Amino acid sequence: MMIRIGLDMMGGDYAPLEAMKGVDAFFREGNSHAHLVLIGREPEIREHLSSFSFPETNYSIIHAPSVIEMHEHPTKALKEKQDSSIAIGFHLLETGKIEAFISAGNTGAMMVGSLFVIKTMEGILRPTIGTYLPREDGSLGVLLDAGMNADCKPENLNQFAVLGSLFAEHILGIQQPKVGLINIGEEEGKGNLLTQATYPLLKENNLIHFIGNVEGRDILLNKADVFVCEGFTGNVILKFAESIYDIVKRRNIHDEHFDRFNFETYGGVPVLGISKPVIIGHGISHATAFKNMIRTADRMIKTDLTGRIRNSFAEITQS
């Protein structure tokens, strides 16, 4: 049975051409098991299709005449533009016609759709998004929250640790991922009220492998695999990492490690904690990013990450 993945072809600054190139690159890797549902303005999609040769059996087109632009108010636009590519994508996902939905379009609209159309899983207080951390040894870690929840309670961070551990294990392939709490010192009593209250929750959580506090200098090392913090701190770290990559490129520095700071290498990030797979991409995504977003969605479906998250939180609720 084919995996059906929905792709917003109108999302992003370079849509739909770069999205189409990403689709082509994905199929060139031999992914004949997947069926991509291309959502957007059909005439524009077909115009670009003529330049590619992937099998017609591997895709279908759903016409969406409207586009939610980047500057539009997310909630208002999603409500009023029911014929937009994002709104139709969420409808297809909600009704089971696709198994995952991807867009590099309006991030706010993707968040609103994730929360109010697909909805949060039972037992999860708040969904989260993470970001990838390219470590010096060539491996990847994950940090969450990366900006979705600027203010958090200790219970939120405890749940983020579980979500991040499951993602690291089943998507990044890390066995028994190490979880670290981002703090201003390694000692247990360090930090602000939030980290001090979160530490004992993580320490007692038998669903994760908690190693204690980690500092900013540990983030690009292999000390932990999952780094937990509230979204304010996480977003500062994310934007700082992006600025490092921009500086390296501007100065024409070629370094294997810093090349891995390019977000295109990873595509987009899933919204963890909602009922079905949703992946949000950067607005300036090119072909490589789209290909990798499709690959991530494919792996999430194959590993049943959403089901594993649901089962883990059912276990927490019952205990």
Protein backbone atom coordinates (compact mmCIF):
# COMPACT_ATOMS: atom_id res chain seq x y z
CA MET A 1 0.00 0.00 0.00
CA MET A 2 1.39 3.39 -1.02
CA ILE A 3 2.13 6.09 1.53
CA ARG A 4 0.20 9.25 0.65
CA ILE A 5 1.95 12.53 1.50
CA GLY A 6 0.39 15.93 0.83
CA LEU A 7 2.67 18.75 -0.33
CA ASP A 8 1.68 22.41 -0.49
CA MET A 9 3.08 23.37 -3.88
CA MET A 10 2.38 27.08 -3.37
CA GLY A 11 4.17 27.47 -0.03
CA GLY A 12 7.49 29.30 0.07
CA ASP A 13 9.21 32.10 -1.81
CA TYR A 14 10.23 29.88 -4.73
CA ALA A 15 7.04 27.88 -5.21
CA PRO A 16 6.01 25.95 -7.12
CA LEU A 17 9.22 25.31 -9.11
CA GLU A 18 11.51 24.46 -6.18
CA ALA A 19 8.82 22.25 -4.65
CA MET A 20 8.58 20.40 -7.97
CA LYS A 21 12.35 19.98 -8.11
CA GLY A 22 12.21 18.54 -4.60
CA VAL A 23 9.53 16.05 -5.66
CA ASP A 24 11.68 15.01 -8.61
CA ALA A 25 14.75 14.57 -6.38
CA PHE A 26 12.74 12.46 -3.94
CA PHE A 27 11.56 10.09 -6.68
CA ARG A 28 15.05 9.93 -8.19
CA GLU A 29 16.15 8.29 -4.95
CA GLY A 30 13.89 5.33 -5.78
CA ASN A 31 10.97 6.11 -3.49
CA SER A 32 8.36 4.40 -5.63
CA HIS A 33 6.38 3.38 -2.53
CA ALA A 34 5.16 6.95 -2.00
CA HIS A 35 2.30 8.79 -3.66
CA LEU A 36 2.59 12.57 -3.44
CA VAL A 37 -0.57 14.66 -3.47
CA LEU A 38 0.42 18.00 -5.00
CA ILE A 39 -1.85 20.75 -3.66
CA GLY A 40 -2.01 24.13 -5.34
CA ARG A 41 -2.95 25.98 -8.52
CA GLU A 42 -3.24 23.18 -11.03
CA PRO A 43 -2.32 25.19 -14.18
CA GLU A 44 0.96 26.32 -12.55
CA ILE A 45 1.73 22.83 -11.29
CA ARG A 46 1.13 21.26 -14.72
CA GLU A 47 3.23 23.92 -16.40
CA HIS A 48 6.25 22.83 -14.36
CA LEU A 49 5.43 19.12 -14.55
CA SER A 50 6.35 19.09 -18.23
CA SER A 51 10.02 19.49 -17.28
CA PHE A 52 10.08 16.31 -15.16
CA SER A 53 9.57 12.65 -15.88
CA PHE A 54 8.56 10.91 -12.64
CA PRO A 55 5.73 8.34 -13.10
CA GLU A 56 2.17 9.64 -13.20
CA THR A 57 1.13 6.83 -10.84
CA ASN A 58 3.29 8.41 -8.11
CA TYR A 59 1.44 11.70 -7.87
CA SER A 60 -1.95 13.35 -8.11
CA ILE A 61 -2.97 17.01 -8.17
CA ILE A 62 -5.57 18.69 -5.97
CA HIS A 63 -6.51 22.11 -7.28
CA ALA A 64 -6.34 24.92 -4.71
CA PRO A 65 -6.98 28.31 -6.32
CA SER A 66 -6.00 30.46 -3.32
CA VAL A 67 -2.75 30.95 -1.43
CA ILE A 68 -2.27 32.17 2.14
CA GLU A 69 0.47 34.73 1.72
CA MET A 70 3.28 35.15 4.25
CA HIS A 71 2.03 38.55 5.47
CA GLU A 72 -1.56 37.47 6.14
CA HIS A 73 -3.00 36.96 9.62
CA PRO A 74 -2.86 33.17 10.15
CA THR A 75 -6.19 32.53 11.89
CA LYS A 76 -8.18 34.93 9.72
CA ALA A 77 -6.64 33.69 6.48
CA LEU A 78 -7.12 30.01 7.31
CA LYS A 79 -10.76 30.65 8.17
CA GLU A 80 -11.57 32.83 5.15
CA LYS A 81 -9.47 31.03 2.53
CA GLN A 82 -10.92 27.54 2.70
CA ASP A 83 -9.87 27.04 -0.93
CA SER A 84 -6.20 27.74 -0.17
CA SER A 85 -3.48 25.11 -0.48
CA ILE A 86 -2.86 25.09 3.29
CA ALA A 87 -6.55 24.82 4.23
CA ILE A 88 -7.16 22.04 1.70
CA GLY A 89 -4.02 20.23 2.85
CA PHE A 90 -5.26 20.18 6.44
CA HIS A 91 -8.71 19.03 5.30
CA LEU A 92 -7.16 16.13 3.38
CA LEU A 93 -5.06 15.18 6.41
CA GLU A 94 -7.98 15.48 8.83
CA THR A 95 -10.20 13.26 6.67
CA GLY A 96 -7.52 10.60 6.13
CA LYS A 97 -7.00 11.19 2.41
CA ILE A 98 -3.30 11.83 3.07
CA GLU A 99 -1.10 10.54 5.91
CA ALA A 100 1.13 13.61 6.31
CA PHE A 101 1.08 17.24 5.22
CA ILE A 102 4.05 19.47 4.34
CA SER A 103 4.24 23.20 3.69
CA ALA A 104 6.87 25.92 3.52
CA GLY A 105 4.12 28.52 3.49
CA ASN A 106 2.72 30.80 6.19
CA THR A 107 4.15 29.37 9.44
CA GLY A 108 1.41 30.86 11.58
CA ALA A 109 -1.31 29.29 9.44
CA MET A 110 0.48 25.94 9.70
CA MET A 111 0.56 26.27 13.49
CA VAL A 112 -3.13 27.22 13.66
CA GLY A 113 -4.10 24.33 11.40
CA SER A 114 -2.01 21.90 13.42
CA LEU A 115 -3.60 22.97 16.71
CA PHE A 116 -7.22 23.51 15.69
CA VAL A 117 -7.77 21.20 12.71
CA ILE A 118 -5.51 18.22 13.48
CA LYS A 119 -5.51 18.92 17.25
CA THR A 120 -3.25 17.92 20.11
CA MET A 121 -3.08 14.29 21.25
CA GLU A 122 -4.82 13.36 24.46
CA GLY A 123 -2.53 13.84 27.45
CA ILE A 124 -0.23 16.36 25.77
CA LEU A 125 -0.44 19.83 27.25
CA ARG A 126 1.25 21.64 24.37
CA PRO A 127 2.73 20.50 21.07
CA THR A 128 6.27 21.57 20.27
CA ILE A 129 8.66 22.06 17.39
CA GLY A 130 12.35 21.30 17.52
CA THR A 131 15.45 22.12 15.56
CA TYR A 132 18.38 19.98 14.50
CA LEU A 133 21.79 20.45 16.08
CA PRO A 134 24.78 19.48 13.90
CA ARG A 135 27.36 18.22 16.40
CA GLU A 136 31.11 18.43 15.88
CA ASP A 137 31.44 14.63 15.61
CA GLY A 138 29.15 14.55 12.55
CA SER A 139 26.04 13.36 14.36
CA LEU A 140 22.77 15.20 14.93
CA GLY A 141 21.05 16.24 18.10
CA VAL A 142 17.66 17.88 18.55
CA LEU A 143 16.64 20.93 20.59
CA LEU A 144 13.09 21.67 21.67
CA ASP A 145 11.19 23.86 22.05
CA ALA A 146 12.56 26.02 19.23
CA GLY A 147 10.04 28.84 19.44
CA MET A 148 6.49 27.53 19.54
CA ASN A 149 6.11 27.96 23.32
CA ALA A 150 7.97 31.00 24.63
CA ASP A 151 6.58 30.60 28.14
CA CYS A 152 6.43 27.14 29.69
CA LYS A 153 5.70 25.29 32.89
CA PRO A 154 7.89 22.45 34.19
CA GLU A 155 5.28 19.92 33.02
CA ASN A 156 5.64 21.22 29.45
CA LEU A 157 9.40 20.72 29.43
CA ASN A 158 8.97 17.24 30.89
CA GLN A 159 6.69 16.35 27.98
CA PHE A 160 9.04 17.95 25.45
CA ALA A 161 11.74 15.60 26.74
CA VAL A 162 9.58 12.57 25.93
CA LEU A 163 8.61 13.92 22.50
CA GLY A 164 12.23 14.74 21.67
CA SER A 165 13.44 11.32 22.82
CA LEU A 166 10.94 9.52 20.62
CA PHE A 167 11.88 11.71 17.66
CA ALA A 168 15.61 11.15 18.22
CA GLU A 169 15.14 7.40 18.49
CA HIS A 170 12.81 6.76 15.57
CA ILE A 171 13.71 9.53 13.12
CA LEU A 172 17.40 10.16 13.89
CA GLY A 173 18.08 6.52 14.77
CA ILE A 174 19.65 7.19 18.18
CA GLN A 175 19.28 4.31 20.63
CA GLN A 176 18.38 5.42 24.17
CA PRO A 177 18.89 9.14 23.47
CA LYS A 178 20.48 11.17 26.27
CA VAL A 179 18.33 14.08 27.48
CA GLY A 180 19.87 17.26 28.87
CA LEU A 181 18.15 20.29 30.40
CA ILE A 182 19.68 23.54 29.10
CA ASN A 183 20.83 25.55 32.10
CA ILE A 184 23.48 28.02 33.30
CA GLY A 185 25.38 25.38 35.25
CA GLU A 186 25.64 21.62 35.62
CA GLU A 187 24.70 21.39 39.29
CA GLU A 188 21.18 20.25 40.13
CA GLY A 189 20.23 23.43 42.00
CA LYS A 190 21.28 25.81 39.22
CA GLY A 191 19.04 27.98 37.08
CA ASN A 192 15.84 29.95 37.30
CA LEU A 193 12.56 28.84 38.84
CA LEU A 194 11.55 26.97 35.68
CA THR A 195 14.70 24.85 35.35
CA GLN A 196 14.88 24.21 39.10
CA ALA A 197 11.30 22.88 39.06
CA THR A 198 11.81 20.92 35.83
CA TYR A 199 14.94 19.06 36.95
CA PRO A 200 13.21 16.68 39.43
CA LEU A 201 10.46 15.89 36.91
CA LEU A 202 13.03 14.85 34.31
CA LYS A 203 15.01 12.93 36.92
CA GLU A 204 11.94 10.86 37.84
CA ASN A 205 10.72 10.35 34.25
CA ASN A 206 11.28 6.67 33.40
CA LEU A 207 10.48 7.22 29.71
CA ILE A 208 13.69 9.15 29.09
CA HIS A 209 17.42 8.81 29.78
CA PHE A 210 18.05 12.05 31.66
CA ILE A 211 21.72 13.01 32.18
CA GLY A 212 21.17 16.30 34.05
CA ASN A 213 21.86 19.93 33.19
CA VAL A 214 23.83 20.93 30.11
CA GLU A 215 25.29 24.33 29.32
CA GLY A 216 25.47 26.40 26.16
CA ARG A 217 28.97 25.11 25.42
CA ASP A 218 27.61 21.55 25.27
CA ILE A 219 24.98 22.16 22.58
CA LEU A 220 27.20 21.29 19.60
CA LEU A 221 28.95 18.43 21.37
CA ASN A 222 27.84 14.84 21.97
CA LYS A 223 27.07 15.33 25.64
CA ALA A 224 23.32 14.95 25.07
CA ASP A 225 21.11 13.99 22.13
CA VAL A 226 17.97 15.86 23.17
CA PHE A 227 18.29 19.38 24.58
CA VAL A 228 15.24 20.69 26.42
CA CYS A 229 14.32 24.32 27.07
CA GLU A 230 11.42 26.75 26.73
CA GLY A 231 10.82 28.30 23.31
CA PHE A 232 12.31 31.70 24.12
CA THR A 233 15.75 30.24 24.81
CA GLY A 234 15.42 27.70 22.03
CA ASN A 235 14.60 30.29 19.40
CA VAL A 236 17.55 32.46 20.43
CA ILE A 237 19.83 29.44 20.02
CA LEU A 238 18.26 28.60 16.64
CA LYS A 239 18.63 32.13 15.26
CA PHE A 240 22.19 32.35 16.57
CA ALA A 241 23.07 29.11 14.75
CA GLU A 242 21.49 30.48 11.55
CA SER A 243 23.59 33.63 11.86
CA ILE A 244 26.78 31.56 12.18
CA TYR A 245 25.97 29.83 8.89
CA ASP A 246 25.26 33.18 7.19
CA ILE A 247 28.57 34.65 8.39
CA VAL A 248 30.52 31.58 7.27
CA LYS A 249 28.98 31.78 3.78
CA ARG A 250 29.51 35.54 3.48
CA ARG A 251 33.17 35.14 4.41
CA ASN A 252 33.52 32.32 1.88
CA ILE A 253 34.71 29.87 4.53
CA HIS A 254 34.47 26.23 3.53
CA ASP A 255 34.17 23.92 6.49
CA GLU A 256 32.39 20.56 6.60
CA HIS A 257 30.96 21.16 10.07
CA PHE A 258 29.57 24.63 9.40
CA ASP A 259 28.14 23.49 6.04
CA ARG A 260 25.84 21.27 8.10
CA PHE A 261 24.22 24.39 9.62
CA ASN A 262 22.38 24.84 6.31
CA PHE A 263 18.70 24.18 7.09
CA GLU A 264 18.17 22.77 3.58
CA THR A 265 20.07 19.67 4.68
CA TYR A 266 17.21 18.80 7.02
CA GLY A 267 14.24 20.34 5.25
CA GLY A 268 11.67 21.23 7.87
CA VAL A 269 10.58 20.33 11.36
CA PRO A 270 7.57 18.30 12.47
CA VAL A 271 5.02 19.59 14.94
CA LEU A 272 5.36 17.00 17.71
CA GLY A 273 2.37 16.17 19.89
CA ILE A 274 -0.45 16.58 17.37
CA SER A 275 -2.58 13.71 16.10
CA LYS A 276 -1.11 13.39 12.58
CA PRO A 277 2.24 14.24 10.93
CA VAL A 278 2.65 17.88 9.91
CA ILE A 279 5.99 19.30 8.74
CA ILE A 280 6.73 23.00 8.50
CA GLY A 281 9.44 24.25 6.18
CA HIS A 282 11.38 27.51 5.88
CA GLY A 283 9.89 30.10 3.55
CA ILE A 284 13.11 30.26 1.53
CA SER A 285 13.22 26.50 0.93
CA HIS A 286 14.76 25.20 -2.29
CA ALA A 287 14.65 21.74 -3.86
CA THR A 288 16.93 20.04 -1.33
CA ALA A 289 14.80 21.25 1.58
CA PHE A 290 11.59 20.04 -0.06
CA LYS A 291 13.12 16.64 -0.79
CA ASN A 292 14.23 16.28 2.81
CA MET A 293 10.86 17.38 4.16
CA ILE A 294 9.24 14.62 2.11
CA ARG A 295 11.83 12.14 3.40
CA THR A 296 11.10 13.12 7.01
CA ALA A 297 7.35 12.72 6.48
CA ASP A 298 7.97 9.35 4.85
CA ARG A 299 10.04 8.18 7.81
CA MET A 300 7.50 9.46 10.34
CA ILE A 301 4.81 7.38 8.65
CA LYS A 302 6.99 4.28 8.26
CA THR A 303 8.06 4.31 11.92
CA ASP A 304 4.57 5.30 13.12
CA LEU A 305 6.10 8.04 15.24
CA THR A 306 2.68 9.54 15.95
CA GLY A 307 1.38 6.18 17.20
CA ARG A 308 4.44 5.70 19.40
CA ILE A 309 3.93 9.15 20.92
CA ARG A 310 0.26 8.39 21.54
CA ASN A 311 1.12 5.09 23.25
CA SER A 312 3.78 6.70 25.44
CA PHE A 313 1.43 9.39 26.70
CA ALA A 314 -1.32 6.83 27.26
CA GLU A 315 1.17 4.99 29.47
CA ILE A 316 1.88 8.22 31.39
CA THR A 317 -1.84 8.87 31.86
CA GLN A 318 -2.48 5.36 33.17
CA SER A 319 0.46 5.38 35.61
